[in-house]
């Protein structure tokens, strides 16, 4: 199975700043071809590459004012090895975080899921969030947490992921946030899902039900969206003039459908992102 991913960003930098991009697929993803091109006035700029402990690759560059073009494309062949978890991971991903304050939803989680454990809990949380939250582009803010999503019942993929993570942590299940490319996603964009540590493996949960989990390609992993932003900048302002994201599966029709059609994803199946 081949998955082809692409991202294009056109930026207008308003002053001297420190730019950090997280658009490249994570370290460990089996890449047959990959190119990241950062360009200004026909000149290619070379960033510093930093890889964190869970494989997120950050491209960092210092810039002054002016237009900037970012182009990224990669071809992924096969599947990565299943991600392990250390004792530090399973401890850190139990803690409340900025957008997934599990302590604030503790009472709700215990009332809703008391007595449910393991894979049954994973299925129950996924179904609860899918059925109580409405996918509503433009109606949530980047500063909204799982508490806001629980109260309003609306949001986008990051909000679904944050609520799933908060509820699972409140039930003593390590859970984390993953930014990814999602073949077959409509509307196409950078996507966000949750991962939960169940039965000795990280299991993917996408309560939006808008992606096929078999086709996902990992970009960044963290406690919540604060660790996984595709674009961060410090020191001045910038404007995102244009963004284009694409991800698709190449191969036989059956292979493409099995890995990219959301309706072909059996939500009761335990799947690890690879």
C-alpha atoms as a PDB file:
ATOM      1  CA  UNK A   1       0.000   0.000   0.000  1.00  0.00           C
ATOM      2  CA  UNK A   2       1.317   3.419  -0.947  1.00  0.00           C
ATOM      3  CA  UNK A   3       0.088   6.594   0.690  1.00  0.00           C
ATOM      4  CA  UNK A   4       0.907   9.936  -0.905  1.00  0.00           C
ATOM      5  CA  UNK A   5       0.728  13.076   1.230  1.00  0.00           C
ATOM      6  CA  UNK A   6       1.216  16.736   0.390  1.00  0.00           C
ATOM      7  CA  UNK A   7       1.005  20.110   2.133  1.00  0.00           C
ATOM      8  CA  UNK A   8       1.385  23.625   0.756  1.00  0.00           C
ATOM      9  CA  UNK A   9       1.539  26.785   2.873  1.00  0.00           C
ATOM     10  CA  UNK A  10       1.805  30.361   1.592  1.00  0.00           C
ATOM     11  CA  UNK A  11       2.746  32.732   4.400  1.00  0.00           C
ATOM     12  CA  UNK A  12       3.225  36.472   4.759  1.00  0.00           C
ATOM     13  CA  UNK A  13       5.775  37.142   7.501  1.00  0.00           C
ATOM     14  CA  UNK A  14       5.329  40.606   9.027  1.00  0.00           C
ATOM     15  CA  UNK A  15       8.586  40.874  10.979  1.00  0.00           C
ATOM     16  CA  UNK A  16      11.558  38.945  12.321  1.00  0.00           C
ATOM     17  CA  UNK A  17      10.364  35.704  13.838  1.00  0.00           C
ATOM     18  CA  UNK A  18      11.171  32.121  14.758  1.00  0.00           C
ATOM     19  CA  UNK A  19       9.081  29.735  12.622  1.00  0.00           C
ATOM     20  CA  UNK A  20       8.489  26.077  13.555  1.00  0.00           C
ATOM     21  CA  UNK A  21       6.796  23.717  11.103  1.00  0.00           C
ATOM     22  CA  UNK A  22       5.367  20.278  11.843  1.00  0.00           C
ATOM     23  CA  UNK A  23       4.185  19.029   8.458  1.00  0.00           C
ATOM     24  CA  UNK A  24       6.663  16.209   7.763  1.00  0.00           C
ATOM     25  CA  UNK A  25       5.687  12.631   8.556  1.00  0.00           C
ATOM     26  CA  UNK A  26       7.076  11.313  11.821  1.00  0.00           C
ATOM     27  CA  UNK A  27      10.418   9.591  12.158  1.00  0.00           C
ATOM     28  CA  UNK A  28      10.020   5.850  11.652  1.00  0.00           C
ATOM     29  CA  UNK A  29       7.354   6.145   8.966  1.00  0.00           C
ATOM     30  CA  UNK A  30       8.622   4.135   5.941  1.00  0.00           C
ATOM     31  CA  UNK A  31       9.154   6.848   3.337  1.00  0.00           C
ATOM     32  CA  UNK A  32      10.102   5.980  -0.260  1.00  0.00           C
ATOM     33  CA  UNK A  33      10.318   9.637  -1.290  1.00  0.00           C
ATOM     34  CA  UNK A  34      10.172  12.889   0.673  1.00  0.00           C
ATOM     35  CA  UNK A  35      10.847  16.560  -0.012  1.00  0.00           C
ATOM     36  CA  UNK A  36      10.397  19.704   2.068  1.00  0.00           C
ATOM     37  CA  UNK A  37      11.023  22.971   0.246  1.00  0.00           C
ATOM     38  CA  UNK A  38      10.957  26.379   1.949  1.00  0.00           C
ATOM     39  CA  UNK A  39      11.333  29.221  -0.542  1.00  0.00           C
ATOM     40  CA  UNK A  40      11.500  33.004  -0.593  1.00  0.00           C
ATOM     41  CA  UNK A  41      11.982  35.029  -3.784  1.00  0.00           C
ATOM     42  CA  UNK A  42      13.229  31.965  -5.645  1.00  0.00           C
ATOM     43  CA  UNK A  43      15.811  31.087  -2.987  1.00  0.00           C
ATOM     44  CA  UNK A  44      15.568  27.852  -1.004  1.00  0.00           C
ATOM     45  CA  UNK A  45      15.966  28.303   2.747  1.00  0.00           C
ATOM     46  CA  UNK A  46      17.399  25.495   4.881  1.00  0.00           C
ATOM     47  CA  UNK A  47      15.772  24.874   8.292  1.00  0.00           C
ATOM     48  CA  UNK A  48      17.152  23.151  11.367  1.00  0.00           C
ATOM     49  CA  UNK A  49      15.547  19.739  11.927  1.00  0.00           C
ATOM     50  CA  UNK A  50      14.704  18.658  15.480  1.00  0.00           C
ATOM     51  CA  UNK A  51      13.186  15.262  16.335  1.00  0.00           C
ATOM     52  CA  UNK A  52      11.536  14.775  19.709  1.00  0.00           C
ATOM     53  CA  UNK A  53      11.375  11.643  21.872  1.00  0.00           C
ATOM     54  CA  UNK A  54       8.216  10.304  20.176  1.00  0.00           C
ATOM     55  CA  UNK A  55       9.386  10.912  16.616  1.00  0.00           C
ATOM     56  CA  UNK A  56       7.809  14.266  15.788  1.00  0.00           C
ATOM     57  CA  UNK A  57      10.072  16.122  13.340  1.00  0.00           C
ATOM     58  CA  UNK A  58      10.134  19.896  13.655  1.00  0.00           C
ATOM     59  CA  UNK A  59      11.619  22.163  10.981  1.00  0.00           C
ATOM     60  CA  UNK A  60      12.749  25.452  12.521  1.00  0.00           C
ATOM     61  CA  UNK A  61      13.979  28.584  10.766  1.00  0.00           C
ATOM     62  CA  UNK A  62      14.627  32.235  11.636  1.00  0.00           C
ATOM     63  CA  UNK A  63      13.088  34.721   9.191  1.00  0.00           C
ATOM     64  CA  UNK A  64      12.626  38.404   8.577  1.00  0.00           C
ATOM     65  CA  UNK A  65       9.618  40.057   6.914  1.00  0.00           C
ATOM     66  CA  UNK A  66       8.385  38.930   3.511  1.00  0.00           C
ATOM     67  CA  UNK A  67       6.431  36.224   1.690  1.00  0.00           C
ATOM     68  CA  UNK A  68       7.285  32.576   2.222  1.00  0.00           C
ATOM     69  CA  UNK A  69       6.288  29.369   0.448  1.00  0.00           C
ATOM     70  CA  UNK A  70       6.395  25.939   2.077  1.00  0.00           C
ATOM     71  CA  UNK A  71       5.944  22.792  -0.001  1.00  0.00           C
ATOM     72  CA  UNK A  72       6.047  19.244   1.377  1.00  0.00           C
ATOM     73  CA  UNK A  73       5.351  15.901  -0.257  1.00  0.00           C
ATOM     74  CA  UNK A  74       6.084  12.312   0.667  1.00  0.00           C
ATOM     75  CA  UNK A  75       5.318   8.820  -0.539  1.00  0.00           C
ATOM     76  CA  UNK A  76       4.856   6.258   2.240  1.00  0.00           C
ATOM     77  CA  UNK A  77       5.360   2.580   1.415  1.00  0.00           C
ATOM     78  CA  UNK A  78       4.097  -0.084   3.775  1.00  0.00           C
ATOM     79  CA  UNK A  79       3.479   0.415   7.467  1.00  0.00           C
ATOM     80  CA  UNK A  80       5.645   1.539  10.357  1.00  0.00           C
ATOM     81  CA  UNK A  81       6.415  -0.644  13.338  1.00  0.00           C
ATOM     82  CA  UNK A  82       3.877  -0.368  16.136  1.00  0.00           C
ATOM     83  CA  UNK A  83       4.912   2.403  18.514  1.00  0.00           C
ATOM     84  CA  UNK A  84       6.005   1.135  21.963  1.00  0.00           C
ATOM     85  CA  UNK A  85       5.338   2.877  25.248  1.00  0.00           C
ATOM     86  CA  UNK A  86       7.754   3.458  28.115  1.00  0.00           C
ATOM     87  CA  UNK A  87       6.912   3.783  31.786  1.00  0.00           C
ATOM     88  CA  UNK A  88       7.353   7.545  31.347  1.00  0.00           C
ATOM     89  CA  UNK A  89       4.858   7.581  28.458  1.00  0.00           C
ATOM     90  CA  UNK A  90       2.143   5.748  30.337  1.00  0.00           C
ATOM     91  CA  UNK A  91       2.629   8.048  33.323  1.00  0.00           C
ATOM     92  CA  UNK A  92       2.756  11.318  31.340  1.00  0.00           C
ATOM     93  CA  UNK A  93      -0.295  10.524  29.218  1.00  0.00           C
ATOM     94  CA  UNK A  94      -2.410   9.898  32.321  1.00  0.00           C
ATOM     95  CA  UNK A  95      -1.962  13.498  33.476  1.00  0.00           C
ATOM     96  CA  UNK A  96      -4.316  16.400  32.726  1.00  0.00           C
ATOM     97  CA  UNK A  97      -3.073  18.775  30.025  1.00  0.00           C
ATOM     98  CA  UNK A  98      -4.083  22.176  28.703  1.00  0.00           C
ATOM     99  CA  UNK A  99      -6.723  21.042  26.193  1.00  0.00           C
ATOM    100  CA  UNK A 100      -7.525  17.679  27.793  1.00  0.00           C
ATOM    101  CA  UNK A 101      -8.042  18.559  31.465  1.00  0.00           C
ATOM    102  CA  UNK A 102      -9.110  15.114  32.620  1.00  0.00           C
ATOM    103  CA  UNK A 103      -9.478  16.325  36.201  1.00  0.00           C
ATOM    104  CA  UNK A 104     -12.244  18.701  35.050  1.00  0.00           C
ATOM    105  CA  UNK A 105     -14.269  15.910  33.385  1.00  0.00           C
ATOM    106  CA  UNK A 106     -13.530  13.283  36.045  1.00  0.00           C
ATOM    107  CA  UNK A 107     -17.010  13.257  37.581  1.00  0.00           C
ATOM    108  CA  UNK A 108     -18.736  13.092  34.190  1.00  0.00           C
ATOM    109  CA  UNK A 109     -16.477  10.247  33.045  1.00  0.00           C
ATOM    110  CA  UNK A 110     -17.048   8.212  36.201  1.00  0.00           C
ATOM    111  CA  UNK A 111     -20.826   8.625  35.963  1.00  0.00           C
ATOM    112  CA  UNK A 112     -20.902   7.762  32.272  1.00  0.00           C
ATOM    113  CA  UNK A 113     -18.394   4.909  32.178  1.00  0.00           C
ATOM    114  CA  UNK A 114     -18.187   3.602  35.741  1.00  0.00           C
ATOM    115  CA  UNK A 115     -17.405  -0.114  35.784  1.00  0.00           C
ATOM    116  CA  UNK A 116     -16.395  -0.261  32.095  1.00  0.00           C
ATOM    117  CA  UNK A 117     -12.810  -1.294  31.384  1.00  0.00           C
ATOM    118  CA  UNK A 118     -10.381  -2.246  28.618  1.00  0.00           C
ATOM    119  CA  UNK A 119     -11.578  -2.511  25.050  1.00  0.00           C
ATOM    120  CA  UNK A 120     -15.194  -2.051  26.137  1.00  0.00           C
ATOM    121  CA  UNK A 121     -14.267   1.330  27.614  1.00  0.00           C
ATOM    122  CA  UNK A 122     -12.496   2.353  24.418  1.00  0.00           C
ATOM    123  CA  UNK A 123     -15.596   1.525  22.375  1.00  0.00           C
ATOM    124  CA  UNK A 124     -17.907   3.245  24.863  1.00  0.00           C
ATOM    125  CA  UNK A 125     -15.913   6.509  24.882  1.00  0.00           C
ATOM    126  CA  UNK A 126     -15.646   6.554  21.078  1.00  0.00           C
ATOM    127  CA  UNK A 127     -19.386   6.008  20.691  1.00  0.00           C
ATOM    128  CA  UNK A 128     -20.278   8.584  23.355  1.00  0.00           C
ATOM    129  CA  UNK A 129     -18.184  11.346  21.780  1.00  0.00           C
ATOM    130  CA  UNK A 130     -19.311  10.452  18.253  1.00  0.00           C
ATOM    131  CA  UNK A 131     -22.973  10.576  19.266  1.00  0.00           C
ATOM    132  CA  UNK A 132     -22.907  13.678  21.485  1.00  0.00           C
ATOM    133  CA  UNK A 133     -20.635  16.011  19.496  1.00  0.00           C
ATOM    134  CA  UNK A 134     -21.590  17.499  16.114  1.00  0.00           C
ATOM    135  CA  UNK A 135     -18.832  18.184  13.595  1.00  0.00           C
ATOM    136  CA  UNK A 136     -19.107  21.964  13.208  1.00  0.00           C
ATOM    137  CA  UNK A 137     -16.318  23.741  11.295  1.00  0.00           C
ATOM    138  CA  UNK A 138     -15.910  27.372  12.312  1.00  0.00           C
ATOM    139  CA  UNK A 139     -17.910  27.126  15.538  1.00  0.00           C
ATOM    140  CA  UNK A 140     -15.075  26.234  17.917  1.00  0.00           C
ATOM    141  CA  UNK A 141     -11.979  28.200  18.861  1.00  0.00           C
ATOM    142  CA  UNK A 142      -8.352  27.158  18.960  1.00  0.00           C
ATOM    143  CA  UNK A 143      -8.386  27.832  22.695  1.00  0.00           C
ATOM    144  CA  UNK A 144     -11.346  25.512  23.421  1.00  0.00           C
ATOM    145  CA  UNK A 145     -10.655  22.555  25.691  1.00  0.00           C
ATOM    146  CA  UNK A 146     -12.460  19.250  26.173  1.00  0.00           C
ATOM    147  CA  UNK A 147     -14.590  20.961  28.815  1.00  0.00           C
ATOM    148  CA  UNK A 148     -15.925  23.419  26.218  1.00  0.00           C
ATOM    149  CA  UNK A 149     -16.608  20.614  23.732  1.00  0.00           C
ATOM    150  CA  UNK A 150     -18.448  18.610  26.381  1.00  0.00           C
ATOM    151  CA  UNK A 151     -20.606  21.654  27.215  1.00  0.00           C
ATOM    152  CA  UNK A 152     -21.359  22.837  23.668  1.00  0.00           C
ATOM    153  CA  UNK A 153     -21.528  19.499  21.857  1.00  0.00           C
ATOM    154  CA  UNK A 154     -19.756  20.875  18.794  1.00  0.00           C
ATOM    155  CA  UNK A 155     -16.269  21.051  17.354  1.00  0.00           C
ATOM    156  CA  UNK A 156     -13.798  19.798  14.778  1.00  0.00           C
ATOM    157  CA  UNK A 157     -11.348  16.899  14.815  1.00  0.00           C
ATOM    158  CA  UNK A 158      -9.030  18.403  17.441  1.00  0.00           C
ATOM    159  CA  UNK A 159     -12.015  18.936  19.761  1.00  0.00           C
ATOM    160  CA  UNK A 160     -13.190  15.339  19.353  1.00  0.00           C
ATOM    161  CA  UNK A 161      -9.676  14.087  20.053  1.00  0.00           C
ATOM    162  CA  UNK A 162      -9.288  16.281  23.131  1.00  0.00           C
ATOM    163  CA  UNK A 163     -12.569  15.052  24.609  1.00  0.00           C
ATOM    164  CA  UNK A 164     -11.749  11.392  23.946  1.00  0.00           C
ATOM    165  CA  UNK A 165      -8.332  11.862  25.570  1.00  0.00           C
ATOM    166  CA  UNK A 166      -9.733  13.663  28.622  1.00  0.00           C
ATOM    167  CA  UNK A 167     -12.421  11.033  29.239  1.00  0.00           C
ATOM    168  CA  UNK A 168      -9.993   8.139  28.873  1.00  0.00           C
ATOM    169  CA  UNK A 169      -7.435   9.714  31.202  1.00  0.00           C
ATOM    170  CA  UNK A 170     -10.206  10.310  33.726  1.00  0.00           C
ATOM    171  CA  UNK A 171     -10.817   6.550  33.573  1.00  0.00           C
ATOM    172  CA  UNK A 172      -7.105   5.824  34.202  1.00  0.00           C
ATOM    173  CA  UNK A 173      -6.246   4.976  30.588  1.00  0.00           C
ATOM    174  CA  UNK A 174      -3.124   6.659  29.108  1.00  0.00           C
ATOM    175  CA  UNK A 175      -4.208   8.644  26.052  1.00  0.00           C
ATOM    176  CA  UNK A 176      -2.475  11.038  23.687  1.00  0.00           C
ATOM    177  CA  UNK A 177      -3.048  13.274  20.655  1.00  0.00           C
ATOM    178  CA  UNK A 178      -1.873  12.520  17.121  1.00  0.00           C
ATOM    179  CA  UNK A 179      -1.779  14.938  14.170  1.00  0.00           C
ATOM    180  CA  UNK A 180      -1.860  13.043  10.898  1.00  0.00           C
ATOM    181  CA  UNK A 181      -2.555  12.931   7.198  1.00  0.00           C
ATOM    182  CA  UNK A 182      -5.840  11.135   6.487  1.00  0.00           C
ATOM    183  CA  UNK A 183      -6.498   9.717   3.008  1.00  0.00           C
ATOM    184  CA  UNK A 184     -10.202   9.933   2.158  1.00  0.00           C
ATOM    185  CA  UNK A 185     -10.913  12.663   4.712  1.00  0.00           C
ATOM    186  CA  UNK A 186     -13.722  15.061   3.760  1.00  0.00           C
ATOM    187  CA  UNK A 187     -13.190  17.964   4.058  1.00  0.00           C
ATOM    188  CA  UNK A 188      -9.477  17.353   3.455  1.00  0.00           C
ATOM    189  CA  UNK A 189      -7.177  18.976   6.014  1.00  0.00           C
ATOM    190  CA  UNK A 190      -4.603  18.087   8.609  1.00  0.00           C
ATOM    191  CA  UNK A 191      -6.438  15.613  10.852  1.00  0.00           C
ATOM    192  CA  UNK A 192      -6.325  14.801  14.565  1.00  0.00           C
ATOM    193  CA  UNK A 193      -7.128  11.563  16.374  1.00  0.00           C
ATOM    194  CA  UNK A 194      -6.546  10.070  19.811  1.00  0.00           C
ATOM    195  CA  UNK A 195      -4.444   7.081  20.793  1.00  0.00           C
ATOM    196  CA  UNK A 196      -5.125   4.994  23.906  1.00  0.00           C
ATOM    197  CA  UNK A 197      -2.815   2.491  25.591  1.00  0.00           C
ATOM    198  CA  UNK A 198      -4.961  -0.660  25.761  1.00  0.00           C
ATOM    199  CA  UNK A 199      -3.831  -4.299  25.960  1.00  0.00           C
ATOM    200  CA  UNK A 200      -0.179  -3.334  25.552  1.00  0.00           C
ATOM    201  CA  UNK A 201      -0.501  -1.266  22.365  1.00  0.00           C
ATOM    202  CA  UNK A 202      -1.464   2.222  21.264  1.00  0.00           C
ATOM    203  CA  UNK A 203      -4.944   2.015  19.698  1.00  0.00           C
ATOM    204  CA  UNK A 204      -6.350   4.705  17.401  1.00  0.00           C
ATOM    205  CA  UNK A 205      -9.664   6.381  18.208  1.00  0.00           C
ATOM    206  CA  UNK A 206     -11.306   8.738  15.702  1.00  0.00           C
ATOM    207  CA  UNK A 207     -14.663   9.755  17.109  1.00  0.00           C
ATOM    208  CA  UNK A 208     -15.334  12.040  14.117  1.00  0.00           C
ATOM    209  CA  UNK A 209     -15.677   8.839  12.053  1.00  0.00           C
ATOM    210  CA  UNK A 210     -14.494  10.879   9.054  1.00  0.00           C
ATOM    211  CA  UNK A 211     -11.303   8.902   8.408  1.00  0.00           C
ATOM    212  CA  UNK A 212     -10.305   5.322   7.795  1.00  0.00           C
ATOM    213  CA  UNK A 213      -7.826   4.539  10.544  1.00  0.00           C
ATOM    214  CA  UNK A 214      -5.850   2.080   8.368  1.00  0.00           C
ATOM    215  CA  UNK A 215      -4.729   4.871   6.054  1.00  0.00           C
ATOM    216  CA  UNK A 216      -3.586   7.430   8.611  1.00  0.00           C
ATOM    217  CA  UNK A 217      -0.013   8.716   8.446  1.00  0.00           C
ATOM    218  CA  UNK A 218       1.476  10.076  11.669  1.00  0.00           C
ATOM    219  CA  UNK A 219       2.903  13.610  11.720  1.00  0.00           C
ATOM    220  CA  UNK A 220       3.145  14.567  15.399  1.00  0.00           C
ATOM    221  CA  UNK A 221       2.341  13.043  18.781  1.00  0.00           C
ATOM    222  CA  UNK A 222       1.831  14.778  22.112  1.00  0.00           C
ATOM    223  CA  UNK A 223      -0.293  15.444  25.161  1.00  0.00           C
ATOM    224  CA  UNK A 224      -2.750  17.524  23.130  1.00  0.00           C
ATOM    225  CA  UNK A 225      -2.805  20.036  20.245  1.00  0.00           C
ATOM    226  CA  UNK A 226      -0.381  22.328  22.087  1.00  0.00           C
ATOM    227  CA  UNK A 227       2.355  19.780  21.278  1.00  0.00           C
ATOM    228  CA  UNK A 228       1.299  19.131  17.685  1.00  0.00           C
ATOM    229  CA  UNK A 229       0.581  22.434  15.885  1.00  0.00           C
ATOM    230  CA  UNK A 230       1.485  22.292  12.190  1.00  0.00           C
ATOM    231  CA  UNK A 231       2.652  25.928  12.385  1.00  0.00           C
ATOM    232  CA  UNK A 232       4.076  27.890  15.324  1.00  0.00           C
ATOM    233  CA  UNK A 233       5.831  31.258  15.314  1.00  0.00           C
ATOM    234  CA  UNK A 234       7.373  33.572  17.890  1.00  0.00           C
ATOM    235  CA  UNK A 235       8.653  37.156  17.812  1.00  0.00           C
ATOM    236  CA  UNK A 236       6.342  38.770  15.237  1.00  0.00           C
ATOM    237  CA  UNK A 237       3.130  38.076  13.368  1.00  0.00           C
ATOM    238  CA  UNK A 238       2.400  36.221  10.156  1.00  0.00           C
ATOM    239  CA  UNK A 239      -0.640  35.634   7.958  1.00  0.00           C
ATOM    240  CA  UNK A 240      -1.526  32.264   6.465  1.00  0.00           C
ATOM    241  CA  UNK A 241      -2.555  33.283   2.958  1.00  0.00           C
ATOM    242  CA  UNK A 242      -3.159  29.813   1.564  1.00  0.00           C
ATOM    243  CA  UNK A 243      -3.123  26.222   2.783  1.00  0.00           C
ATOM    244  CA  UNK A 244      -3.572  23.052   0.762  1.00  0.00           C
ATOM    245  CA  UNK A 245      -3.463  19.513   2.156  1.00  0.00           C
ATOM    246  CA  UNK A 246      -3.869  16.275   0.253  1.00  0.00           C
ATOM    247  CA  UNK A 247      -3.561  12.593   1.149  1.00  0.00           C
ATOM    248  CA  UNK A 248      -4.548   9.580  -0.888  1.00  0.00           C
ATOM    249  CA  UNK A 249      -3.866   5.881  -1.251  1.00  0.00           C
ATOM    250  CA  UNK A 250      -2.506   4.399  -4.457  1.00  0.00           C
ATOM    251  CA  UNK A 251      -2.950   0.788  -5.564  1.00  0.00           C
ATOM    252  CA  UNK A 252      -5.705  -1.591  -6.567  1.00  0.00           C
ATOM    253  CA  UNK A 253      -9.257  -0.286  -6.105  1.00  0.00           C
ATOM    254  CA  UNK A 254      -9.936  -2.672  -3.221  1.00  0.00           C
ATOM    255  CA  UNK A 255      -6.727  -1.627  -1.450  1.00  0.00           C
ATOM    256  CA  UNK A 256      -7.584   2.052  -1.880  1.00  0.00           C
ATOM    257  CA  UNK A 257     -11.115   1.595  -0.548  1.00  0.00           C
ATOM    258  CA  UNK A 258     -10.023  -0.551   2.393  1.00  0.00           C
ATOM    259  CA  UNK A 259      -7.492   2.063   3.542  1.00  0.00           C
ATOM    260  CA  UNK A 260      -9.252   5.337   2.712  1.00  0.00           C
ATOM    261  CA  UNK A 261     -13.047   4.903   2.727  1.00  0.00           C
ATOM    262  CA  UNK A 262     -14.336   5.858   6.203  1.00  0.00           C
ATOM    263  CA  UNK A 263     -17.344   3.579   5.710  1.00  0.00           C
ATOM    264  CA  UNK A 264     -14.990   0.593   5.349  1.00  0.00           C
ATOM    265  CA  UNK A 265     -13.495   1.159   8.824  1.00  0.00           C
ATOM    266  CA  UNK A 266     -15.017  -1.233  11.357  1.00  0.00           C
ATOM    267  CA  UNK A 267     -15.098   0.976  14.450  1.00  0.00           C
ATOM    268  CA  UNK A 268     -15.212  -2.062  16.759  1.00  0.00           C
ATOM    269  CA  UNK A 269     -11.811  -3.250  15.491  1.00  0.00           C
ATOM    270  CA  UNK A 270      -8.682  -2.384  17.445  1.00  0.00           C
ATOM    271  CA  UNK A 271      -6.248  -0.636  15.088  1.00  0.00           C
ATOM    272  CA  UNK A 272      -2.769   0.707  15.727  1.00  0.00           C
ATOM    273  CA  UNK A 273      -1.555   3.685  13.685  1.00  0.00           C
ATOM    274  CA  UNK A 274       1.273   2.621  11.426  1.00  0.00           C
END
